[in-house]
């Protein structure tokens, strides 16, 4: 996979996430407010053919489809039809 170092650095700095090149994955705490964050991982391997796989790892969100979170902790960001159009 050909990752763009400038974009990776920008994401790491802006969101305080770490990039693991061997996994093509960002991980860390994503802050939504000053004292509120979610522990996440973002697998960019599927990109640009489909959306990255985002997982909420801290179990703050119940693992239920109606919460847009699957049992494997991956987040539902779009429908399969829209993702396949990507």
PDB file of N, CA and C in Angstrom:
ATOM      1  N   UNK A   1       0.851  -1.182   0.000  1.00  0.00           N
ATOM      2  CA  UNK A   1       0.000   0.000   0.000  1.00  0.00           C
ATOM      3  C   UNK A   1       0.891   1.236   0.000  1.00  0.00           C
ATOM      4  N   UNK A   2       0.515   2.213  -0.790  1.00  0.00           N
ATOM      5  CA  UNK A   2       1.292   3.441  -0.919  1.00  0.00           C
ATOM      6  C   UNK A   2       0.633   4.541  -0.086  1.00  0.00           C
ATOM      7  N   UNK A   3       1.079   4.694   1.155  1.00  0.00           N
ATOM      8  CA  UNK A   3       0.518   5.716   2.046  1.00  0.00           C
ATOM      9  C   UNK A   3       1.215   7.051   1.812  1.00  0.00           C
ATOM     10  N   UNK A   4       0.486   8.111   1.966  1.00  0.00           N
ATOM     11  CA  UNK A   4       1.018   9.455   1.777  1.00  0.00           C
ATOM     12  C   UNK A   4       1.523   9.979   3.126  1.00  0.00           C
ATOM     13  N   UNK A   5       2.838  10.083   3.311  1.00  0.00           N
ATOM     14  CA  UNK A   5       3.395  10.503   4.600  1.00  0.00           C
ATOM     15  C   UNK A   5       2.880  11.855   5.100  1.00  0.00           C
ATOM     16  N   UNK A   6       2.650  12.803   4.184  1.00  0.00           N
ATOM     17  CA  UNK A   6       2.169  14.120   4.609  1.00  0.00           C
ATOM     18  C   UNK A   6       0.764  14.034   5.203  1.00  0.00           C
ATOM     19  N   UNK A   7      -0.107  13.268   4.559  1.00  0.00           N
ATOM     20  CA  UNK A   7      -1.474  13.112   5.069  1.00  0.00           C
ATOM     21  C   UNK A   7      -1.491  12.346   6.381  1.00  0.00           C
ATOM     22  N   UNK A   8      -0.673  11.320   6.481  1.00  0.00           N
ATOM     23  CA  UNK A   8      -0.594  10.538   7.719  1.00  0.00           C
ATOM     24  C   UNK A   8      -0.130  11.423   8.866  1.00  0.00           C
ATOM     25  N   UNK A   9       0.912  12.196   8.635  1.00  0.00           N
ATOM     26  CA  UNK A   9       1.426  13.107   9.656  1.00  0.00           C
ATOM     27  C   UNK A   9       0.372  14.127  10.070  1.00  0.00           C
ATOM     28  N   UNK A  10      -0.371  14.640   9.101  1.00  0.00           N
ATOM     29  CA  UNK A  10      -1.420  15.619   9.396  1.00  0.00           C
ATOM     30  C   UNK A  10      -2.509  15.017  10.289  1.00  0.00           C
ATOM     31  N   UNK A  11      -2.908  13.792   9.996  1.00  0.00           N
ATOM     32  CA  UNK A  11      -3.931  13.124  10.813  1.00  0.00           C
ATOM     33  C   UNK A  11      -3.394  12.841  12.208  1.00  0.00           C
ATOM     34  N   UNK A  12      -2.158  12.353  12.292  1.00  0.00           N
ATOM     35  CA  UNK A  12      -1.554  12.079  13.598  1.00  0.00           C
ATOM     36  C   UNK A  12      -1.520  13.340  14.456  1.00  0.00           C
ATOM     37  N   UNK A  13      -1.125  14.452  13.874  1.00  0.00           N
ATOM     38  CA  UNK A  13      -1.006  15.701  14.624  1.00  0.00           C
ATOM     39  C   UNK A  13      -2.359  16.312  14.970  1.00  0.00           C
ATOM     40  N   UNK A  14      -3.272  16.311  14.027  1.00  0.00           N
ATOM     41  CA  UNK A  14      -4.572  16.952  14.242  1.00  0.00           C
ATOM     42  C   UNK A  14      -5.437  16.184  15.238  1.00  0.00           C
ATOM     43  N   UNK A  15      -5.396  14.844  15.173  1.00  0.00           N
ATOM     44  CA  UNK A  15      -6.291  14.027  16.000  1.00  0.00           C
ATOM     45  C   UNK A  15      -5.564  13.246  17.088  1.00  0.00           C
ATOM     46  N   UNK A  16      -4.269  13.425  17.220  1.00  0.00           N
ATOM     47  CA  UNK A  16      -3.460  12.722  18.220  1.00  0.00           C
ATOM     48  C   UNK A  16      -3.605  11.202  18.113  1.00  0.00           C
ATOM     49  N   UNK A  17      -3.643  10.708  16.893  1.00  0.00           N
ATOM     50  CA  UNK A  17      -3.699   9.273  16.644  1.00  0.00           C
ATOM     51  C   UNK A  17      -2.331   8.790  16.195  1.00  0.00           C
ATOM     52  N   UNK A  18      -2.039   7.521  16.443  1.00  0.00           N
ATOM     53  CA  UNK A  18      -0.773   6.925  16.013  1.00  0.00           C
ATOM     54  C   UNK A  18      -1.032   6.071  14.770  1.00  0.00           C
ATOM     55  N   UNK A  19      -0.080   6.068  13.843  1.00  0.00           N
ATOM     56  CA  UNK A  19      -0.213   5.250  12.642  1.00  0.00           C
ATOM     57  C   UNK A  19       0.754   4.089  12.708  1.00  0.00           C
ATOM     58  N   UNK A  20       0.233   2.879  12.528  1.00  0.00           N
ATOM     59  CA  UNK A  20       1.035   1.664  12.467  1.00  0.00           C
ATOM     60  C   UNK A  20       1.126   1.264  10.994  1.00  0.00           C
ATOM     61  N   UNK A  21       2.276   1.511  10.400  1.00  0.00           N
ATOM     62  CA  UNK A  21       2.440   1.262   8.967  1.00  0.00           C
ATOM     63  C   UNK A  21       2.280  -0.213   8.624  1.00  0.00           C
ATOM     64  N   UNK A  22       2.716  -1.113   9.496  1.00  0.00           N
ATOM     65  CA  UNK A  22       2.618  -2.547   9.204  1.00  0.00           C
ATOM     66  C   UNK A  22       1.168  -3.019   9.111  1.00  0.00           C
ATOM     67  N   UNK A  23       0.248  -2.315   9.788  1.00  0.00           N
ATOM     68  CA  UNK A  23      -1.173  -2.669   9.756  1.00  0.00           C
ATOM     69  C   UNK A  23      -1.991  -1.704   8.895  1.00  0.00           C
ATOM     70  N   UNK A  24      -1.364  -0.622   8.447  1.00  0.00           N
ATOM     71  CA  UNK A  24      -2.083   0.471   7.755  1.00  0.00           C
ATOM     72  C   UNK A  24      -3.264   0.913   8.595  1.00  0.00           C
ATOM     73  N   UNK A  25      -2.966   1.229   9.867  1.00  0.00           N
ATOM     74  CA  UNK A  25      -4.036   1.513  10.824  1.00  0.00           C
ATOM     75  C   UNK A  25      -3.660   2.662  11.761  1.00  0.00           C
ATOM     76  N   UNK A  26      -4.614   3.579  11.921  1.00  0.00           N
ATOM     77  CA  UNK A  26      -4.514   4.614  12.945  1.00  0.00           C
ATOM     78  C   UNK A  26      -5.171   4.079  14.209  1.00  0.00           C
ATOM     79  N   UNK A  27      -4.676   4.499  15.372  1.00  0.00           N
ATOM     80  CA  UNK A  27      -5.337   4.123  16.622  1.00  0.00           C
ATOM     81  C   UNK A  27      -5.054   5.178  17.677  1.00  0.00           C
ATOM     82  N   UNK A  28      -5.925   5.190  18.685  1.00  0.00           N
ATOM     83  CA  UNK A  28      -5.762   6.122  19.790  1.00  0.00           C
ATOM     84  C   UNK A  28      -7.100   6.628  20.266  1.00  0.00           C
ATOM     85  N   UNK A  29      -7.058   7.712  21.011  1.00  0.00           N
ATOM     86  CA  UNK A  29      -8.273   8.318  21.545  1.00  0.00           C
ATOM     87  C   UNK A  29      -8.716   9.459  20.636  1.00  0.00           C
ATOM     88  N   UNK A  30      -9.959   9.392  20.199  1.00  0.00           N
ATOM     89  CA  UNK A  30     -10.547  10.444  19.383  1.00  0.00           C
ATOM     90  C   UNK A  30     -11.415  11.301  20.293  1.00  0.00           C
ATOM     91  N   UNK A  31     -10.991  12.539  20.498  1.00  0.00           N
ATOM     92  CA  UNK A  31     -11.701  13.441  21.413  1.00  0.00           C
ATOM     93  C   UNK A  31     -12.876  14.100  20.700  1.00  0.00           C
ATOM     94  N   UNK A  32     -14.045  14.023  21.335  1.00  0.00           N
ATOM     95  CA  UNK A  32     -15.241  14.675  20.814  1.00  0.00           C
ATOM     96  C   UNK A  32     -15.534  15.949  21.599  1.00  0.00           C
ATOM     97  N   UNK A  33     -15.017  16.017  22.802  1.00  0.00           N
ATOM     98  CA  UNK A  33     -15.038  17.203  23.653  1.00  0.00           C
ATOM     99  C   UNK A  33     -13.740  17.181  24.448  1.00  0.00           C
ATOM    100  N   UNK A  34     -13.473  18.237  25.175  1.00  0.00           N
ATOM    101  CA  UNK A  34     -12.198  18.343  25.890  1.00  0.00           C
ATOM    102  C   UNK A  34     -11.935  17.145  26.807  1.00  0.00           C
ATOM    103  N   UNK A  35     -12.937  16.689  27.542  1.00  0.00           N
ATOM    104  CA  UNK A  35     -12.745  15.583  28.485  1.00  0.00           C
ATOM    105  C   UNK A  35     -13.525  14.337  28.099  1.00  0.00           C
ATOM    106  N   UNK A  36     -13.840  14.181  26.836  1.00  0.00           N
ATOM    107  CA  UNK A  36     -14.621  13.037  26.381  1.00  0.00           C
ATOM    108  C   UNK A  36     -14.009  12.486  25.102  1.00  0.00           C
ATOM    109  N   UNK A  37     -13.657  11.204  25.131  1.00  0.00           N
ATOM    110  CA  UNK A  37     -13.031  10.600  23.960  1.00  0.00           C
ATOM    111  C   UNK A  37     -13.495   9.157  23.779  1.00  0.00           C
ATOM    112  N   UNK A  38     -13.254   8.657  22.596  1.00  0.00           N
ATOM    113  CA  UNK A  38     -13.530   7.269  22.254  1.00  0.00           C
ATOM    114  C   UNK A  38     -12.228   6.634  21.809  1.00  0.00           C
ATOM    115  N   UNK A  39     -11.977   5.425  22.291  1.00  0.00           N
ATOM    116  CA  UNK A  39     -10.797   4.679  21.880  1.00  0.00           C
ATOM    117  C   UNK A  39     -11.145   3.996  20.558  1.00  0.00           C
ATOM    118  N   UNK A  40     -10.386   4.321  19.504  1.00  0.00           N
ATOM    119  CA  UNK A  40     -10.729   3.821  18.179  1.00  0.00           C
ATOM    120  C   UNK A  40      -9.527   3.259  17.437  1.00  0.00           C
ATOM    121  N   UNK A  41      -9.826   2.524  16.384  1.00  0.00           N
ATOM    122  CA  UNK A  41      -8.830   2.153  15.386  1.00  0.00           C
ATOM    123  C   UNK A  41      -9.462   2.399  14.024  1.00  0.00           C
ATOM    124  N   UNK A  42      -8.640   2.805  13.065  1.00  0.00           N
ATOM    125  CA  UNK A  42      -9.107   3.066  11.714  1.00  0.00           C
ATOM    126  C   UNK A  42      -8.181   2.316  10.754  1.00  0.00           C
ATOM    127  N   UNK A  43      -8.702   1.250  10.172  1.00  0.00           N
ATOM    128  CA  UNK A  43      -7.962   0.445   9.207  1.00  0.00           C
ATOM    129  C   UNK A  43      -8.178   1.061   7.826  1.00  0.00           C
ATOM    130  N   UNK A  44      -7.108   1.580   7.234  1.00  0.00           N
ATOM    131  CA  UNK A  44      -7.254   2.243   5.934  1.00  0.00           C
ATOM    132  C   UNK A  44      -6.963   1.307   4.761  1.00  0.00           C
ATOM    133  N   UNK A  45      -6.770   0.015   5.036  1.00  0.00           N
ATOM    134  CA  UNK A  45      -6.462  -0.947   3.982  1.00  0.00           C
ATOM    135  C   UNK A  45      -7.499  -0.950   2.862  1.00  0.00           C
ATOM    136  N   UNK A  46      -8.821  -0.883   3.160  1.00  0.00           N
ATOM    137  CA  UNK A  46      -9.795  -0.922   2.072  1.00  0.00           C
ATOM    138  C   UNK A  46      -9.784   0.316   1.169  1.00  0.00           C
ATOM    139  N   UNK A  47      -9.297   1.437   1.676  1.00  0.00           N
ATOM    140  CA  UNK A  47      -9.304   2.695   0.940  1.00  0.00           C
ATOM    141  C   UNK A  47      -8.274   2.643  -0.188  1.00  0.00           C
ATOM    142  N   UNK A  48      -8.528   3.092  -1.376  1.00  0.00           N
ATOM    143  CA  UNK A  48      -9.614   3.944  -1.828  1.00  0.00           C
ATOM    144  C   UNK A  48     -10.787   3.195  -2.456  1.00  0.00           C
ATOM    145  N   UNK A  49     -10.788   1.859  -2.388  1.00  0.00           N
ATOM    146  CA  UNK A  49     -11.871   1.098  -3.019  1.00  0.00           C
ATOM    147  C   UNK A  49     -13.143   1.067  -2.188  1.00  0.00           C
ATOM    148  N   UNK A  50     -13.038   1.268  -0.898  1.00  0.00           N
ATOM    149  CA  UNK A  50     -14.198   1.369  -0.015  1.00  0.00           C
ATOM    150  C   UNK A  50     -13.792   2.173   1.213  1.00  0.00           C
ATOM    151  N   UNK A  51     -14.747   2.418   2.080  1.00  0.00           N
ATOM    152  CA  UNK A  51     -14.467   3.229   3.254  1.00  0.00           C
ATOM    153  C   UNK A  51     -13.527   2.501   4.214  1.00  0.00           C
ATOM    154  N   UNK A  52     -12.714   3.225   4.961  1.00  0.00           N
ATOM    155  CA  UNK A  52     -11.894   2.603   6.000  1.00  0.00           C
ATOM    156  C   UNK A  52     -12.780   1.905   7.036  1.00  0.00           C
ATOM    157  N   UNK A  53     -12.209   0.959   7.755  1.00  0.00           N
ATOM    158  CA  UNK A  53     -12.939   0.242   8.803  1.00  0.00           C
ATOM    159  C   UNK A  53     -12.624   0.920  10.138  1.00  0.00           C
ATOM    160  N   UNK A  54     -13.641   1.493  10.749  1.00  0.00           N
ATOM    161  CA  UNK A  54     -13.492   2.189  12.021  1.00  0.00           C
ATOM    162  C   UNK A  54     -14.067   1.320  13.121  1.00  0.00           C
ATOM    163  N   UNK A  55     -13.289   1.127  14.186  1.00  0.00           N
ATOM    164  CA  UNK A  55     -13.749   0.334  15.331  1.00  0.00           C
ATOM    165  C   UNK A  55     -13.677   1.172  16.602  1.00  0.00           C
ATOM    166  N   UNK A  56     -14.706   1.026  17.450  1.00  0.00           N
ATOM    167  CA  UNK A  56     -14.737   1.661  18.766  1.00  0.00           C
ATOM    168  C   UNK A  56     -14.293   0.592  19.753  1.00  0.00           C
ATOM    169  N   UNK A  57     -13.131   0.770  20.362  1.00  0.00           N
ATOM    170  CA  UNK A  57     -12.498  -0.283  21.156  1.00  0.00           C
ATOM    171  C   UNK A  57     -12.768  -0.200  22.657  1.00  0.00           C
ATOM    172  N   UNK A  58     -13.246   0.922  23.140  1.00  0.00           N
ATOM    173  CA  UNK A  58     -13.424   1.104  24.573  1.00  0.00           C
ATOM    174  C   UNK A  58     -14.732   0.575  25.139  1.00  0.00           C
ATOM    175  N   UNK A  59     -15.571   0.017  24.280  1.00  0.00           N
ATOM    176  CA  UNK A  59     -16.863  -0.549  24.665  1.00  0.00           C
ATOM    177  C   UNK A  59     -17.786   0.464  25.340  1.00  0.00           C
ATOM    178  N   UNK A  60     -17.654   1.724  24.956  1.00  0.00           N
ATOM    179  CA  UNK A  60     -18.570   2.756  25.454  1.00  0.00           C
ATOM    180  C   UNK A  60     -19.907   2.686  24.736  1.00  0.00           C
ATOM    181  N   UNK A  61     -19.886   2.191  23.502  1.00  0.00           N
ATOM    182  CA  UNK A  61     -21.107   2.066  22.713  1.00  0.00           C
ATOM    183  C   UNK A  61     -21.522   0.597  22.722  1.00  0.00           C
ATOM    184  N   UNK A  62     -22.773   0.296  23.094  1.00  0.00           N
ATOM    185  CA  UNK A  62     -23.230  -1.100  23.099  1.00  0.00           C
ATOM    186  C   UNK A  62     -23.104  -1.738  21.715  1.00  0.00           C
ATOM    187  N   UNK A  63     -22.726  -2.999  21.690  1.00  0.00           N
ATOM    188  CA  UNK A  63     -22.546  -3.743  20.444  1.00  0.00           C
ATOM    189  C   UNK A  63     -23.904  -4.199  19.918  1.00  0.00           C
ATOM    190  N   UNK A  64     -24.637  -3.250  19.329  1.00  0.00           N
ATOM    191  CA  UNK A  64     -25.963  -3.520  18.791  1.00  0.00           C
ATOM    192  C   UNK A  64     -26.090  -2.826  17.446  1.00  0.00           C
ATOM    193  N   UNK A  65     -26.779  -3.481  16.515  1.00  0.00           N
ATOM    194  CA  UNK A  65     -26.964  -2.906  15.190  1.00  0.00           C
ATOM    195  C   UNK A  65     -27.723  -1.582  15.258  1.00  0.00           C
ATOM    196  N   UNK A  66     -28.676  -1.472  16.203  1.00  0.00           N
ATOM    197  CA  UNK A  66     -29.431  -0.218  16.276  1.00  0.00           C
ATOM    198  C   UNK A  66     -28.601   0.931  16.832  1.00  0.00           C
ATOM    199  N   UNK A  67     -27.418   0.634  17.316  1.00  0.00           N
ATOM    200  CA  UNK A  67     -26.463   1.665  17.743  1.00  0.00           C
ATOM    201  C   UNK A  67     -25.406   1.897  16.674  1.00  0.00           C
ATOM    202  N   UNK A  68     -25.597   1.295  15.512  1.00  0.00           N
ATOM    203  CA  UNK A  68     -24.689   1.418  14.368  1.00  0.00           C
ATOM    204  C   UNK A  68     -23.291   0.893  14.687  1.00  0.00           C
ATOM    205  N   UNK A  69     -23.261  -0.177  15.491  1.00  0.00           N
ATOM    206  CA  UNK A  69     -22.007  -0.818  15.857  1.00  0.00           C
ATOM    207  C   UNK A  69     -22.212  -2.320  15.795  1.00  0.00           C
ATOM    208  N   UNK A  70     -21.350  -2.998  15.068  1.00  0.00           N
ATOM    209  CA  UNK A  70     -21.461  -4.447  14.915  1.00  0.00           C
ATOM    210  C   UNK A  70     -20.766  -5.165  16.065  1.00  0.00           C
ATOM    211  N   UNK A  71     -20.998  -6.466  16.186  1.00  0.00           N
ATOM    212  CA  UNK A  71     -20.440  -7.240  17.298  1.00  0.00           C
ATOM    213  C   UNK A  71     -18.916  -7.275  17.285  1.00  0.00           C
ATOM    214  N   UNK A  72     -18.285  -7.053  16.125  1.00  0.00           N
ATOM    215  CA  UNK A  72     -16.816  -7.028  16.062  1.00  0.00           C
ATOM    216  C   UNK A  72     -16.249  -5.644  16.369  1.00  0.00           C
ATOM    217  N   UNK A  73     -17.111  -4.727  16.841  1.00  0.00           N
ATOM    218  CA  UNK A  73     -16.747  -3.362  17.234  1.00  0.00           C
ATOM    219  C   UNK A  73     -16.620  -2.410  16.055  1.00  0.00           C
ATOM    220  N   UNK A  74     -16.856  -2.880  14.824  1.00  0.00           N
ATOM    221  CA  UNK A  74     -16.773  -1.970  13.683  1.00  0.00           C
ATOM    222  C   UNK A  74     -18.031  -1.118  13.597  1.00  0.00           C
ATOM    223  N   UNK A  75     -17.825   0.118  13.205  1.00  0.00           N
ATOM    224  CA  UNK A  75     -18.908   1.094  13.126  1.00  0.00           C
ATOM    225  C   UNK A  75     -19.561   1.056  11.754  1.00  0.00           C
ATOM    226  N   UNK A  76     -20.862   1.179  11.731  1.00  0.00           N
ATOM    227  CA  UNK A  76     -21.606   1.277  10.483  1.00  0.00           C
ATOM    228  C   UNK A  76     -21.585   2.736  10.054  1.00  0.00           C
ATOM    229  N   UNK A  77     -20.804   3.041   9.019  1.00  0.00           N
ATOM    230  CA  UNK A  77     -20.660   4.418   8.552  1.00  0.00           C
ATOM    231  C   UNK A  77     -21.513   4.717   7.331  1.00  0.00           C
ATOM    232  N   UNK A  78     -21.923   3.666   6.626  1.00  0.00           N
ATOM    233  CA  UNK A  78     -22.715   3.837   5.410  1.00  0.00           C
ATOM    234  C   UNK A  78     -23.389   2.512   5.077  1.00  0.00           C
ATOM    235  N   UNK A  79     -24.215   2.515   4.060  1.00  0.00           N
ATOM    236  CA  UNK A  79     -24.823   1.272   3.608  1.00  0.00           C
ATOM    237  C   UNK A  79     -23.860   0.544   2.679  1.00  0.00           C
ATOM    238  N   UNK A  80     -24.030  -0.773   2.540  1.00  0.00           N
ATOM    239  CA  UNK A  80     -23.157  -1.536   1.637  1.00  0.00           C
ATOM    240  C   UNK A  80     -23.290  -1.037   0.205  1.00  0.00           C
ATOM    241  N   UNK A  81     -24.499  -0.657  -0.193  1.00  0.00           N
ATOM    242  CA  UNK A  81     -24.712  -0.148  -1.548  1.00  0.00           C
ATOM    243  C   UNK A  81     -23.887   1.109  -1.796  1.00  0.00           C
ATOM    244  N   UNK A  82     -23.876   2.039  -0.850  1.00  0.00           N
ATOM    245  CA  UNK A  82     -23.090   3.263  -1.010  1.00  0.00           C
ATOM    246  C   UNK A  82     -21.604   2.961  -0.949  1.00  0.00           C
ATOM    247  N   UNK A  83     -21.205   2.039  -0.094  1.00  0.00           N
ATOM    248  CA  UNK A  83     -19.799   1.686   0.033  1.00  0.00           C
ATOM    249  C   UNK A  83     -19.295   1.029  -1.247  1.00  0.00           C
ATOM    250  N   UNK A  84     -20.115   0.201  -1.879  1.00  0.00           N
ATOM    251  CA  UNK A  84     -19.710  -0.452  -3.123  1.00  0.00           C
ATOM    252  C   UNK A  84     -19.621   0.534  -4.279  1.00  0.00           C
ATOM    253  N   UNK A  85     -20.354   1.628  -4.188  1.00  0.00           N
ATOM    254  CA  UNK A  85     -20.320   2.663  -5.214  1.00  0.00           C
ATOM    255  C   UNK A  85     -19.024   3.456  -5.160  1.00  0.00           C
ATOM    256  N   UNK A  86     -18.413   3.475  -3.988  1.00  0.00           N
ATOM    257  CA  UNK A  86     -17.200   4.226  -3.697  1.00  0.00           C
ATOM    258  C   UNK A  86     -16.175   3.845  -4.689  1.00  0.00           C
TER     259      UNK A  86
END
